[in-house]
PDB file of N, CA and C in Angstrom:
ATOM      1  N   MET A   1      30.174  40.342 -86.332  1.00  0.00           N
ATOM      2  CA  MET A   1      28.994  39.643 -86.383  1.00  0.00           C
ATOM      3  C   MET A   1      27.898  40.516 -87.021  1.00  0.00           C
ATOM      4  N   ILE A   2      27.107  40.034 -87.735  1.00  0.00           N
ATOM      5  CA  ILE A   2      26.001  40.695 -88.460  1.00  0.00           C
ATOM      6  C   ILE A   2      24.869  40.901 -87.490  1.00  0.00           C
ATOM      7  N   ASP A   3      24.272  42.049 -87.460  1.00  0.00           N
ATOM      8  CA  ASP A   3      23.113  42.338 -86.601  1.00  0.00           C
ATOM      9  C   ASP A   3      21.870  41.917 -87.284  1.00  0.00           C
ATOM     10  N   LEU A   4      21.304  40.857 -86.850  1.00  0.00           N
ATOM     11  CA  LEU A   4      20.153  40.197 -87.481  1.00  0.00           C
ATOM     12  C   LEU A   4      18.766  40.612 -86.939  1.00  0.00           C
ATOM     13  N   ARG A   5      18.824  41.535 -85.927  1.00  0.00           N
ATOM     14  CA  ARG A   5      17.601  41.843 -85.323  1.00  0.00           C
ATOM     15  C   ARG A   5      16.584  42.541 -86.224  1.00  0.00           C
ATOM     16  N   GLY A   6      15.429  41.887 -86.342  1.00  0.00           N
ATOM     17  CA  GLY A   6      14.313  42.408 -87.212  1.00  0.00           C
ATOM     18  C   GLY A   6      14.511  42.029 -88.681  1.00  0.00           C
ATOM     19  N   LYS A   7      15.470  41.287 -89.003  1.00  0.00           N
ATOM     20  CA  LYS A   7      15.762  40.955 -90.388  1.00  0.00           C
ATOM     21  C   LYS A   7      14.952  39.586 -90.735  1.00  0.00           C
ATOM     22  N   ARG A   8      14.415  39.674 -91.993  1.00  0.00           N
ATOM     23  CA  ARG A   8      13.860  38.414 -92.596  1.00  0.00           C
ATOM     24  C   ARG A   8      15.014  37.673 -93.207  1.00  0.00           C
ATOM     25  N   ILE A   9      15.190  36.399 -92.688  1.00  0.00           N
ATOM     26  CA  ILE A   9      16.364  35.578 -93.125  1.00  0.00           C
ATOM     27  C   ILE A   9      15.841  34.237 -93.805  1.00  0.00           C
ATOM     28  N   LEU A  10      16.562  33.901 -94.751  1.00  0.00           N
ATOM     29  CA  LEU A  10      16.225  32.635 -95.484  1.00  0.00           C
ATOM     30  C   LEU A  10      17.506  31.869 -95.695  1.00  0.00           C
ATOM     31  N   PHE A  11      17.350  30.489 -95.683  1.00  0.00           N
ATOM     32  CA  PHE A  11      18.482  29.652 -95.916  1.00  0.00           C
ATOM     33  C   PHE A  11      18.275  28.884 -97.280  1.00  0.00           C
ATOM     34  N   THR A  12      19.488  28.648 -98.011  1.00  0.00           N
ATOM     35  CA  THR A  12      19.512  27.818 -99.088  1.00  0.00           C
ATOM     36  C   THR A  12      20.703  27.010 -99.140  1.00  0.00           C
ATOM     37  N   GLY A  13      20.541  25.777 -99.659  1.00  0.00           N
ATOM     38  CA  GLY A  13      21.710  24.897 -99.716  1.00  0.00           C
ATOM     39  C   GLY A  13      21.837  24.010 -98.465  1.00  0.00           C
ATOM     40  N   ARG A  14      22.891  23.152 -98.418  1.00  0.00           N
ATOM     41  CA  ARG A  14      23.071  22.333 -97.281  1.00  0.00           C
ATOM     42  C   ARG A  14      24.058  23.016 -96.283  1.00  0.00           C
ATOM     43  N   LEU A  15      23.553  23.060 -95.076  1.00  0.00           N
ATOM     44  CA  LEU A  15      24.443  23.622 -93.995  1.00  0.00           C
ATOM     45  C   LEU A  15      25.314  22.608 -93.392  1.00  0.00           C
ATOM     46  N   ARG A  16      26.569  22.966 -93.074  1.00  0.00           N
ATOM     47  CA  ARG A  16      27.470  22.043 -92.552  1.00  0.00           C
ATOM     48  C   ARG A  16      27.341  21.990 -90.974  1.00  0.00           C
ATOM     49  N   SER A  17      27.115  23.150 -90.371  1.00  0.00           N
ATOM     50  CA  SER A  17      27.164  23.186 -88.867  1.00  0.00           C
ATOM     51  C   SER A  17      25.756  23.016 -88.182  1.00  0.00           C
ATOM     52  N   PHE A  18      24.767  23.132 -88.972  1.00  0.00           N
ATOM     53  CA  PHE A  18      23.417  23.043 -88.386  1.00  0.00           C
ATOM     54  C   PHE A  18      22.482  22.276 -89.257  1.00  0.00           C
ATOM     55  N   ARG A  19      21.387  21.674 -88.667  1.00  0.00           N
ATOM     56  CA  ARG A  19      20.229  21.342 -89.494  1.00  0.00           C
ATOM     57  C   ARG A  19      19.520  22.601 -89.708  1.00  0.00           C
ATOM     58  N   ARG A  20      18.720  22.532 -90.702  1.00  0.00           N
ATOM     59  CA  ARG A  20      17.962  23.830 -91.071  1.00  0.00           C
ATOM     60  C   ARG A  20      17.175  24.291 -89.917  1.00  0.00           C
ATOM     61  N   PHE A  21      16.405  23.439 -89.221  1.00  0.00           N
ATOM     62  CA  PHE A  21      15.587  23.935 -88.142  1.00  0.00           C
ATOM     63  C   PHE A  21      16.530  24.562 -87.021  1.00  0.00           C
ATOM     64  N   GLN A  22      17.646  24.053 -86.804  1.00  0.00           N
ATOM     65  CA  GLN A  22      18.502  24.574 -85.768  1.00  0.00           C
ATOM     66  C   GLN A  22      19.000  25.947 -86.217  1.00  0.00           C
ATOM     67  N   ALA A  23      19.277  26.149 -87.477  1.00  0.00           N
ATOM     68  CA  ALA A  23      19.740  27.401 -87.904  1.00  0.00           C
ATOM     69  C   ALA A  23      18.603  28.464 -87.750  1.00  0.00           C
ATOM     70  N   GLN A  24      17.456  28.002 -88.090  1.00  0.00           N
ATOM     71  CA  GLN A  24      16.273  28.855 -88.021  1.00  0.00           C
ATOM     72  C   GLN A  24      16.065  29.244 -86.546  1.00  0.00           C
ATOM     73  N   GLN A  25      16.144  28.313 -85.607  1.00  0.00           N
ATOM     74  CA  GLN A  25      16.112  28.621 -84.231  1.00  0.00           C
ATOM     75  C   GLN A  25      17.098  29.586 -83.730  1.00  0.00           C
ATOM     76  N   LEU A  26      18.323  29.428 -84.158  1.00  0.00           N
ATOM     77  CA  LEU A  26      19.402  30.369 -83.744  1.00  0.00           C
ATOM     78  C   LEU A  26      19.140  31.676 -84.337  1.00  0.00           C
ATOM     79  N   ALA A  27      18.597  31.840 -85.492  1.00  0.00           N
ATOM     80  CA  ALA A  27      18.284  33.169 -86.181  1.00  0.00           C
ATOM     81  C   ALA A  27      17.260  33.792 -85.288  1.00  0.00           C
ATOM     82  N   THR A  28      16.211  32.994 -84.803  1.00  0.00           N
ATOM     83  CA  THR A  28      15.211  33.556 -83.980  1.00  0.00           C
ATOM     84  C   THR A  28      15.743  34.012 -82.704  1.00  0.00           C
ATOM     85  N   ILE A  29      16.658  33.314 -82.081  1.00  0.00           N
ATOM     86  CA  ILE A  29      17.312  33.735 -80.847  1.00  0.00           C
ATOM     87  C   ILE A  29      17.973  35.053 -80.992  1.00  0.00           C
ATOM     88  N   LEU A  30      18.578  35.197 -82.233  1.00  0.00           N
ATOM     89  CA  LEU A  30      19.426  36.441 -82.475  1.00  0.00           C
ATOM     90  C   LEU A  30      18.552  37.541 -83.005  1.00  0.00           C
ATOM     91  N   GLY A  31      17.166  37.400 -82.997  1.00  0.00           N
ATOM     92  CA  GLY A  31      16.250  38.420 -83.336  1.00  0.00           C
ATOM     93  C   GLY A  31      15.825  38.572 -84.756  1.00  0.00           C
ATOM     94  N   ALA A  32      16.073  37.526 -85.622  1.00  0.00           N
ATOM     95  CA  ALA A  32      15.707  37.538 -86.924  1.00  0.00           C
ATOM     96  C   ALA A  32      14.408  36.821 -87.037  1.00  0.00           C
ATOM     97  N   LYS A  33      13.782  36.983 -88.221  1.00  0.00           N
ATOM     98  CA  LYS A  33      12.544  36.262 -88.454  1.00  0.00           C
ATOM     99  C   LYS A  33      12.837  35.286 -89.646  1.00  0.00           C
ATOM    100  N   PRO A  34      13.016  33.944 -89.366  1.00  0.00           N
ATOM    101  CA  PRO A  34      13.286  33.025 -90.482  1.00  0.00           C
ATOM    102  C   PRO A  34      12.105  32.911 -91.282  1.00  0.00           C
ATOM    103  N   VAL A  35      12.234  32.811 -92.761  1.00  0.00           N
ATOM    104  CA  VAL A  35      11.096  32.594 -93.566  1.00  0.00           C
ATOM    105  C   VAL A  35      11.367  31.448 -94.469  1.00  0.00           C
ATOM    106  N   ASN A  36      10.390  30.841 -95.086  1.00  0.00           N
ATOM    107  CA  ASN A  36      10.590  29.709 -95.882  1.00  0.00           C
ATOM    108  C   ASN A  36      10.633  29.906 -97.357  1.00  0.00           C
ATOM    109  N   GLY A  37      10.213  31.107 -97.718  1.00  0.00           N
ATOM    110  CA  GLY A  37      10.186  31.294 -99.221  1.00  0.00           C
ATOM    111  C   GLY A  37      10.883  32.631 -99.590  1.00  0.00           C
ATOM    112  N   ILE A  38      11.331  32.665-100.773  1.00  0.00           N
ATOM    113  CA  ILE A  38      11.990  33.913-101.261  1.00  0.00           C
ATOM    114  C   ILE A  38      10.994  34.937-101.801  1.00  0.00           C
ATOM    115  N   ASP A  39      11.219  36.125-101.490  1.00  0.00           N
ATOM    116  CA  ASP A  39      10.471  37.229-102.040  1.00  0.00           C
ATOM    117  C   ASP A  39      11.303  38.494-101.779  1.00  0.00           C
ATOM    118  N   LYS A  40      10.790  39.691-102.307  1.00  0.00           N
ATOM    119  CA  LYS A  40      11.499  40.931-102.137  1.00  0.00           C
ATOM    120  C   LYS A  40      11.613  41.331-100.741  1.00  0.00           C
ATOM    121  N   LYS A  41      10.967  40.837 -99.833  1.00  0.00           N
ATOM    122  CA  LYS A  41      11.021  41.248 -98.470  1.00  0.00           C
ATOM    123  C   LYS A  41      12.152  40.563 -97.640  1.00  0.00           C
ATOM    124  N   VAL A  42      12.732  39.513 -98.167  1.00  0.00           N
ATOM    125  CA  VAL A  42      13.818  38.818 -97.594  1.00  0.00           C
ATOM    126  C   VAL A  42      14.996  39.851 -97.435  1.00  0.00           C
ATOM    127  N   ASP A  43      15.530  39.924 -96.246  1.00  0.00           N
ATOM    128  CA  ASP A  43      16.663  40.852 -96.068  1.00  0.00           C
ATOM    129  C   ASP A  43      18.063  40.193 -96.258  1.00  0.00           C
ATOM    130  N   ILE A  44      18.190  38.927 -95.922  1.00  0.00           N
ATOM    131  CA  ILE A  44      19.438  38.214 -95.987  1.00  0.00           C
ATOM    132  C   ILE A  44      19.192  36.763 -96.382  1.00  0.00           C
ATOM    133  N   LEU A  45      20.017  36.296 -97.426  1.00  0.00           N
ATOM    134  CA  LEU A  45      19.873  34.926 -97.798  1.00  0.00           C
ATOM    135  C   LEU A  45      21.231  34.253 -97.283  1.00  0.00           C
ATOM    136  N   VAL A  46      21.098  33.268 -96.501  1.00  0.00           N
ATOM    137  CA  VAL A  46      22.294  32.466 -96.010  1.00  0.00           C
ATOM    138  C   VAL A  46      22.446  31.279 -97.004  1.00  0.00           C
ATOM    139  N   VAL A  47      23.623  31.293 -97.634  1.00  0.00           N
ATOM    140  CA  VAL A  47      23.873  30.216 -98.607  1.00  0.00           C
ATOM    141  C   VAL A  47      24.914  29.130 -98.057  1.00  0.00           C
ATOM    142  N   GLY A  48      24.263  27.953 -98.140  1.00  0.00           N
ATOM    143  CA  GLY A  48      25.105  26.772 -97.705  1.00  0.00           C
ATOM    144  C   GLY A  48      25.780  26.173 -98.920  1.00  0.00           C
ATOM    145  N   ILE A  49      25.965  24.868 -98.827  1.00  0.00           N
ATOM    146  CA  ILE A  49      26.698  24.171-100.016  1.00  0.00           C
ATOM    147  C   ILE A  49      25.566  23.879-101.039  1.00  0.00           C
ATOM    148  N   ILE A  50      25.845  24.177-102.251  1.00  0.00           N
ATOM    149  CA  ILE A  50      25.018  23.900-103.411  1.00  0.00           C
ATOM    150  C   ILE A  50      25.746  22.807-104.072  1.00  0.00           C
ATOM    151  N   SER A  51      24.963  21.531-104.179  1.00  0.00           N
ATOM    152  CA  SER A  51      25.607  20.508-104.879  1.00  0.00           C
ATOM    153  C   SER A  51      24.641  19.999-105.979  1.00  0.00           C
ATOM    154  N   LYS A  52      25.115  19.862-107.158  1.00  0.00           N
ATOM    155  CA  LYS A  52      24.240  19.365-108.211  1.00  0.00           C
ATOM    156  C   LYS A  52      25.150  18.533-109.130  1.00  0.00           C
ATOM    157  N   PRO A  53      24.416  17.750-110.059  1.00  0.00           N
ATOM    158  CA  PRO A  53      25.275  16.950-111.023  1.00  0.00           C
ATOM    159  C   PRO A  53      26.178  17.892-111.773  1.00  0.00           C
ATOM    160  N   TYR A  54      27.344  17.368-112.207  1.00  0.00           N
ATOM    161  CA  TYR A  54      28.347  18.137-112.859  1.00  0.00           C
ATOM    162  C   TYR A  54      27.969  18.992-114.066  1.00  0.00           C
ATOM    163  N   ASP A  55      26.889  18.622-114.734  1.00  0.00           N
ATOM    164  CA  ASP A  55      26.488  19.335-115.963  1.00  0.00           C
ATOM    165  C   ASP A  55      25.422  20.369-115.631  1.00  0.00           C
ATOM    166  N   GLN A  56      25.080  20.608-114.326  1.00  0.00           N
ATOM    167  CA  GLN A  56      24.073  21.640-113.958  1.00  0.00           C
ATOM    168  C   GLN A  56      24.782  22.836-113.343  1.00  0.00           C
ATOM    169  N   LEU A  57      24.290  23.930-113.502  1.00  0.00           N
ATOM    170  CA  LEU A  57      24.714  25.203-112.848  1.00  0.00           C
ATOM    171  C   LEU A  57      24.566  25.044-111.278  1.00  0.00           C
ATOM    172  N   LEU A  58      25.557  25.423-110.562  1.00  0.00           N
ATOM    173  CA  LEU A  58      25.541  25.392-109.152  1.00  0.00           C
ATOM    174  C   LEU A  58      24.829  26.661-108.587  1.00  0.00           C
ATOM    175  N   THR A  59      23.462  26.510-108.634  1.00  0.00           N
ATOM    176  CA  THR A  59      22.697  27.627-108.078  1.00  0.00           C
ATOM    177  C   THR A  59      21.311  27.079-107.633  1.00  0.00           C
ATOM    178  N   THR A  60      20.513  27.896-107.019  1.00  0.00           N
ATOM    179  CA  THR A  60      19.152  27.467-106.551  1.00  0.00           C
ATOM    180  C   THR A  60      18.256  28.587-107.057  1.00  0.00           C
ATOM    181  N   GLN A  61      16.934  28.207-107.014  1.00  0.00           N
ATOM    182  CA  GLN A  61      16.039  29.346-107.395  1.00  0.00           C
ATOM    183  C   GLN A  61      16.057  30.494-106.442  1.00  0.00           C
ATOM    184  N   LYS A  62      16.375  30.212-105.153  1.00  0.00           N
ATOM    185  CA  LYS A  62      16.389  31.246-104.185  1.00  0.00           C
ATOM    186  C   LYS A  62      17.676  32.157-104.469  1.00  0.00           C
ATOM    187  N   LEU A  63      18.721  31.511-104.832  1.00  0.00           N
ATOM    188  CA  LEU A  63      20.003  32.325-105.099  1.00  0.00           C
ATOM    189  C   LEU A  63      19.789  33.091-106.373  1.00  0.00           C
ATOM    190  N   THR A  64      19.223  32.544-107.355  1.00  0.00           N
ATOM    191  CA  THR A  64      18.980  33.263-108.607  1.00  0.00           C
ATOM    192  C   THR A  64      18.036  34.492-108.266  1.00  0.00           C
ATOM    193  N   TYR A  65      16.985  34.320-107.548  1.00  0.00           N
ATOM    194  CA  TYR A  65      16.040  35.454-107.294  1.00  0.00           C
ATOM    195  C   TYR A  65      16.826  36.449-106.439  1.00  0.00           C
ATOM    196  N   ALA A  66      17.664  36.067-105.508  1.00  0.00           N
ATOM    197  CA  ALA A  66      18.435  37.047-104.724  1.00  0.00           C
ATOM    198  C   ALA A  66      19.339  37.910-105.611  1.00  0.00           C
ATOM    199  N   ARG A  67      19.977  37.201-106.476  1.00  0.00           N
ATOM    200  CA  ARG A  67      20.820  38.055-107.441  1.00  0.00           C
ATOM    201  C   ARG A  67      20.077  39.047-108.309  1.00  0.00           C
ATOM    202  N   THR A  68      18.959  38.614-108.684  1.00  0.00           N
ATOM    203  CA  THR A  68      18.036  39.421-109.601  1.00  0.00           C
ATOM    204  C   THR A  68      17.664  40.618-108.869  1.00  0.00           C
ATOM    205  N   TYR A  69      17.268  40.429-107.593  1.00  0.00           N
ATOM    206  CA  TYR A  69      16.616  41.578-106.823  1.00  0.00           C
ATOM    207  C   TYR A  69      17.579  42.169-105.784  1.00  0.00           C
ATOM    208  N   GLY A  70      18.829  41.849-105.852  1.00  0.00           N
ATOM    209  CA  GLY A  70      19.878  42.498-105.015  1.00  0.00           C
ATOM    210  C   GLY A  70      19.638  42.177-103.524  1.00  0.00           C
ATOM    211  N   ILE A  71      19.164  41.000-103.289  1.00  0.00           N
ATOM    212  CA  ILE A  71      19.071  40.642-101.838  1.00  0.00           C
ATOM    213  C   ILE A  71      20.468  40.219-101.258  1.00  0.00           C
ATOM    214  N   PRO A  72      20.985  40.783-100.259  1.00  0.00           N
ATOM    215  CA  PRO A  72      22.318  40.434 -99.748  1.00  0.00           C
ATOM    216  C   PRO A  72      22.389  38.898 -99.408  1.00  0.00           C
ATOM    217  N   LYS A  73      23.653  38.323 -99.717  1.00  0.00           N
ATOM    218  CA  LYS A  73      23.856  36.944 -99.419  1.00  0.00           C
ATOM    219  C   LYS A  73      25.073  36.862 -98.534  1.00  0.00           C
ATOM    220  N   ILE A  74      24.974  35.910 -97.580  1.00  0.00           N
ATOM    221  CA  ILE A  74      26.103  35.575 -96.791  1.00  0.00           C
ATOM    222  C   ILE A  74      26.322  34.052 -96.681  1.00  0.00           C
ATOM    223  N   ASP A  75      27.499  33.706 -96.420  1.00  0.00           N
ATOM    224  CA  ASP A  75      27.741  32.156 -96.180  1.00  0.00           C
ATOM    225  C   ASP A  75      27.411  31.730 -94.862  1.00  0.00           C
ATOM    226  N   GLU A  76      27.439  30.502 -94.610  1.00  0.00           N
ATOM    227  CA  GLU A  76      27.056  29.901 -93.386  1.00  0.00           C
ATOM    228  C   GLU A  76      28.110  30.420 -92.237  1.00  0.00           C
ATOM    229  N   LEU A  77      29.402  30.512 -92.529  1.00  0.00           N
ATOM    230  CA  LEU A  77      30.349  31.010 -91.622  1.00  0.00           C
ATOM    231  C   LEU A  77      29.982  32.381 -91.123  1.00  0.00           C
ATOM    232  N   ALA A  78      29.663  33.235 -91.971  1.00  0.00           N
ATOM    233  CA  ALA A  78      29.308  34.679 -91.680  1.00  0.00           C
ATOM    234  C   ALA A  78      28.015  34.676 -90.791  1.00  0.00           C
ATOM    235  N   PHE A  79      27.139  33.721 -90.979  1.00  0.00           N
ATOM    236  CA  PHE A  79      25.891  33.626 -90.098  1.00  0.00           C
ATOM    237  C   PHE A  79      26.295  33.283 -88.791  1.00  0.00           C
TER     238      PHE A  79
END
Protein backbone atom coordinates (compact mmCIF):
# COMPACT_ATOMS: atom_id res chain seq x y z
CA MET A 1 0.00 0.00 0.00
CA ILE A 2 1.22 3.48 -0.85
CA ASP A 3 1.61 5.94 2.03
CA LEU A 4 -0.61 8.88 1.09
CA ARG A 5 -0.18 10.89 4.30
CA GLY A 6 0.46 14.52 3.45
CA LYS A 7 0.41 13.87 -0.31
CA ARG A 8 -1.47 16.07 -2.77
CA ILE A 9 -3.45 13.64 -4.91
CA LEU A 10 -5.41 14.17 -8.11
CA PHE A 11 -7.67 11.83 -10.09
CA THR A 12 -8.11 11.65 -13.85
CA GLY A 13 -10.22 9.36 -16.03
CA ARG A 14 -13.25 7.31 -15.05
CA LEU A 15 -12.89 5.26 -11.89
CA ARG A 16 -14.44 1.78 -11.80
CA SER A 17 -14.61 1.24 -8.05
CA PHE A 18 -15.61 4.68 -6.80
CA ARG A 19 -17.33 7.84 -7.78
CA ARG A 20 -14.83 10.69 -7.85
CA PHE A 21 -16.09 12.24 -4.59
CA GLN A 22 -15.85 8.84 -2.87
CA ALA A 23 -12.25 8.41 -4.00
CA GLN A 24 -11.46 11.91 -2.74
CA GLN A 25 -13.09 11.11 0.62
CA LEU A 26 -11.07 7.89 0.91
CA ALA A 27 -7.88 9.78 0.04
CA THR A 28 -8.68 12.27 2.82
CA ILE A 29 -9.26 9.44 5.30
CA LEU A 30 -5.87 8.00 4.30
CA GLY A 31 -4.23 11.35 5.07
CA ALA A 32 -3.92 12.76 1.54
CA LYS A 33 -5.09 16.13 0.33
CA PRO A 34 -7.25 15.71 -2.80
CA VAL A 35 -6.91 18.57 -5.27
CA ASN A 36 -8.97 19.46 -8.32
CA GLY A 37 -6.34 20.80 -10.69
CA ILE A 38 -2.95 19.76 -11.96
CA ASP A 39 0.18 21.72 -11.09
CA LYS A 40 3.75 20.99 -10.06
CA LYS A 41 2.71 20.60 -6.42
CA VAL A 42 0.65 17.44 -7.12
CA ASP A 43 2.43 14.43 -5.61
CA ILE A 44 0.42 11.58 -7.17
CA LEU A 45 -1.91 11.33 -10.16
CA VAL A 46 -4.38 8.45 -9.97
CA VAL A 47 -5.30 7.40 -13.50
CA GLY A 48 -8.61 5.72 -14.21
CA ILE A 49 -10.03 4.67 -17.56
CA ILE A 50 -9.36 7.09 -20.39
CA SER A 51 -11.90 6.69 -23.18
CA LYS A 52 -12.00 8.77 -26.32
CA PRO A 53 -13.07 8.32 -29.93
CA TYR A 54 -10.86 5.91 -31.80
CA ASP A 55 -9.03 8.60 -33.76
CA GLN A 56 -7.93 10.52 -30.64
CA LEU A 57 -4.94 9.89 -28.38
CA LEU A 58 -5.87 8.17 -25.10
CA THR A 59 -4.64 10.85 -22.74
CA THR A 60 -5.88 13.80 -20.70
CA GLN A 61 -4.43 17.22 -20.03
CA LYS A 62 -3.66 16.09 -16.49
CA LEU A 63 -1.82 13.00 -17.70
CA THR A 64 0.15 14.97 -20.30
CA TYR A 65 1.17 17.54 -17.65
CA ALA A 66 2.18 14.76 -15.22
CA ARG A 67 4.39 13.15 -17.88
CA THR A 68 5.99 16.50 -18.71
CA TYR A 69 6.81 17.35 -15.08
CA GLY A 70 7.59 13.87 -13.78
CA ILE A 71 4.60 13.60 -11.44
CA PRO A 72 4.22 9.95 -10.34
CA LYS A 73 1.19 8.13 -11.70
CA ILE A 74 -0.63 5.13 -10.25
CA ASP A 75 -3.69 3.27 -11.42
CA GLU A 76 -6.93 2.90 -9.50
CA LEU A 77 -6.00 -0.56 -8.23
CA ALA A 78 -2.76 0.72 -6.69
CA PHE A 79 -4.72 3.52 -5.02
